[in-house]
C-alpha atoms as a PDB file:
ATOM      1  CA  MET A   1       0.000   0.000   0.000  1.00  0.00           C
ATOM      2  CA  VAL A   2       1.229   3.499  -0.840  1.00  0.00           C
ATOM      3  CA  GLU A   3       1.443   5.986   2.033  1.00  0.00           C
ATOM      4  CA  GLU A   4      -0.500   9.257   2.192  1.00  0.00           C
ATOM      5  CA  GLY A   5       1.453  12.224   0.864  1.00  0.00           C
ATOM      6  CA  LYS A   6       3.646  10.204  -1.479  1.00  0.00           C
ATOM      7  CA  GLY A   7       4.109  10.810  -5.155  1.00  0.00           C
ATOM      8  CA  PHE A   8       5.522   9.443  -8.372  1.00  0.00           C
ATOM      9  CA  ILE A   9       7.429  11.403 -10.999  1.00  0.00           C
ATOM     10  CA  PHE A  10       7.681  10.212 -14.599  1.00  0.00           C
ATOM     11  CA  ILE A  11      10.797  11.358 -16.469  1.00  0.00           C
ATOM     12  CA  GLY A  12      11.534  10.863 -20.145  1.00  0.00           C
ATOM     13  CA  PRO A  13      11.910  12.558 -23.515  1.00  0.00           C
ATOM     14  CA  PRO A  14       8.978  14.120 -25.386  1.00  0.00           C
ATOM     15  CA  GLY A  15       6.694  11.510 -26.907  1.00  0.00           C
ATOM     16  CA  SER A  16       7.847   8.684 -24.633  1.00  0.00           C
ATOM     17  CA  GLY A  17       4.416   8.221 -23.060  1.00  0.00           C
ATOM     18  CA  LYS A  18       5.059   9.856 -19.680  1.00  0.00           C
ATOM     19  CA  GLY A  19       1.728  11.653 -19.618  1.00  0.00           C
ATOM     20  CA  THR A  20      -0.242   8.655 -20.842  1.00  0.00           C
ATOM     21  CA  GLN A  21       1.245   6.279 -18.289  1.00  0.00           C
ATOM     22  CA  ALA A  22       1.082   8.849 -15.481  1.00  0.00           C
ATOM     23  CA  LYS A  23      -2.633   9.463 -16.129  1.00  0.00           C
ATOM     24  CA  LYS A  24      -3.337   5.721 -16.118  1.00  0.00           C
ATOM     25  CA  LEU A  25      -1.460   5.193 -12.851  1.00  0.00           C
ATOM     26  CA  ALA A  26      -3.116   8.231 -11.253  1.00  0.00           C
ATOM     27  CA  GLU A  27      -6.549   6.887 -12.161  1.00  0.00           C
ATOM     28  CA  PHE A  28      -5.689   3.397 -10.918  1.00  0.00           C
ATOM     29  CA  LEU A  29      -4.335   4.653  -7.564  1.00  0.00           C
ATOM     30  CA  ASN A  30      -6.866   7.491  -7.224  1.00  0.00           C
ATOM     31  CA  TYR A  31      -4.041  10.058  -7.105  1.00  0.00           C
ATOM     32  CA  SER A  32      -3.945  13.621  -8.398  1.00  0.00           C
ATOM     33  CA  PHE A  33      -2.379  13.933 -11.847  1.00  0.00           C
ATOM     34  CA  ILE A  34      -0.201  17.014 -12.309  1.00  0.00           C
ATOM     35  CA  SER A  35       0.970  18.036 -15.772  1.00  0.00           C
ATOM     36  CA  THR A  36       4.026  20.274 -15.578  1.00  0.00           C
ATOM     37  CA  GLY A  37       3.222  21.589 -19.043  1.00  0.00           C
ATOM     38  CA  ASP A  38      -0.297  22.537 -17.989  1.00  0.00           C
ATOM     39  CA  ILE A  39       0.768  24.315 -14.809  1.00  0.00           C
ATOM     40  CA  LEU A  40       3.588  26.066 -16.661  1.00  0.00           C
ATOM     41  CA  ARG A  41       1.195  27.361 -19.331  1.00  0.00           C
ATOM     42  CA  GLU A  42      -1.238  28.462 -16.602  1.00  0.00           C
ATOM     43  CA  GLU A  43       1.491  30.488 -14.842  1.00  0.00           C
ATOM     44  CA  VAL A  44       2.334  32.190 -18.153  1.00  0.00           C
ATOM     45  CA  LYS A  45      -1.344  32.805 -18.931  1.00  0.00           C
ATOM     46  CA  ARG A  46      -1.925  34.347 -15.489  1.00  0.00           C
ATOM     47  CA  ASN A  47       1.171  36.517 -16.035  1.00  0.00           C
ATOM     48  CA  THR A  48       2.609  35.639 -12.623  1.00  0.00           C
ATOM     49  CA  LYS A  49       6.174  36.550 -11.687  1.00  0.00           C
ATOM     50  CA  ILE A  50       7.260  32.940 -12.239  1.00  0.00           C
ATOM     51  CA  GLY A  51       5.250  32.800 -15.462  1.00  0.00           C
ATOM     52  CA  LYS A  52       7.033  35.857 -16.828  1.00  0.00           C
ATOM     53  CA  PHE A  53      10.433  34.254 -16.242  1.00  0.00           C
ATOM     54  CA  ALA A  54       9.288  30.975 -17.792  1.00  0.00           C
ATOM     55  CA  LYS A  55       7.830  32.738 -20.824  1.00  0.00           C
ATOM     56  CA  GLU A  56      11.240  34.205 -21.683  1.00  0.00           C
ATOM     57  CA  TYR A  57      12.672  30.699 -22.041  1.00  0.00           C
ATOM     58  CA  MET A  58       9.633  29.280 -23.792  1.00  0.00           C
ATOM     59  CA  GLU A  59       9.584  32.030 -26.431  1.00  0.00           C
ATOM     60  CA  LYS A  60      13.204  31.200 -27.294  1.00  0.00           C
ATOM     61  CA  GLY A  61      12.393  27.498 -27.582  1.00  0.00           C
ATOM     62  CA  LEU A  62      14.523  26.705 -24.543  1.00  0.00           C
ATOM     63  CA  LEU A  63      13.751  24.415 -21.645  1.00  0.00           C
ATOM     64  CA  VAL A  64      12.620  26.175 -18.498  1.00  0.00           C
ATOM     65  CA  PRO A  65      15.429  25.746 -15.915  1.00  0.00           C
ATOM     66  CA  ASP A  66      14.949  23.123 -13.214  1.00  0.00           C
ATOM     67  CA  ASP A  67      15.017  25.623 -10.354  1.00  0.00           C
ATOM     68  CA  LEU A  68      12.166  27.587 -11.920  1.00  0.00           C
ATOM     69  CA  MET A  69      10.184  24.412 -12.637  1.00  0.00           C
ATOM     70  CA  LEU A  70      10.629  23.304  -9.022  1.00  0.00           C
ATOM     71  CA  LYS A  71       9.199  26.622  -7.814  1.00  0.00           C
ATOM     72  CA  ILE A  72       6.178  26.157 -10.072  1.00  0.00           C
ATOM     73  CA  ILE A  73       5.665  22.553  -8.969  1.00  0.00           C
ATOM     74  CA  LYS A  74       6.015  23.387  -5.260  1.00  0.00           C
ATOM     75  CA  LYS A  75       3.542  26.230  -5.656  1.00  0.00           C
ATOM     76  CA  ASN A  76       0.988  23.814  -7.121  1.00  0.00           C
ATOM     77  CA  LEU A  77       1.455  20.881  -4.748  1.00  0.00           C
ATOM     78  CA  LYS A  78      -0.709  20.729  -1.678  1.00  0.00           C
ATOM     79  CA  LYS A  79       0.897  19.283   1.412  1.00  0.00           C
ATOM     80  CA  GLY A  80      -0.105  15.706   2.066  1.00  0.00           C
ATOM     81  CA  ILE A  81      -1.644  14.929  -1.317  1.00  0.00           C
ATOM     82  CA  ARG A  82      -0.849  11.823  -3.278  1.00  0.00           C
ATOM     83  CA  PHE A  83       0.302  12.815  -6.728  1.00  0.00           C
ATOM     84  CA  ILE A  84       1.671  11.666 -10.062  1.00  0.00           C
ATOM     85  CA  LEU A  85       3.809  14.191 -11.921  1.00  0.00           C
END
């Protein structure tokens, strides 16, 4: 049995099926599914401070740096939830 407040993170290149498999596992375990792409786009859309920094990288076709992504992820995670990222 998986403990409360635990999560899984899927890592892989674009098109490898991370999102597909993560959604399936989240549904099976009744966990929250978090799409980093979705929350990143939402930060940009809402024109938040973090979103403005991220947008600069995205407009140049660059990857958003890990430290910035971690800030976005932490901002969107609720303490104690079970999640798949």
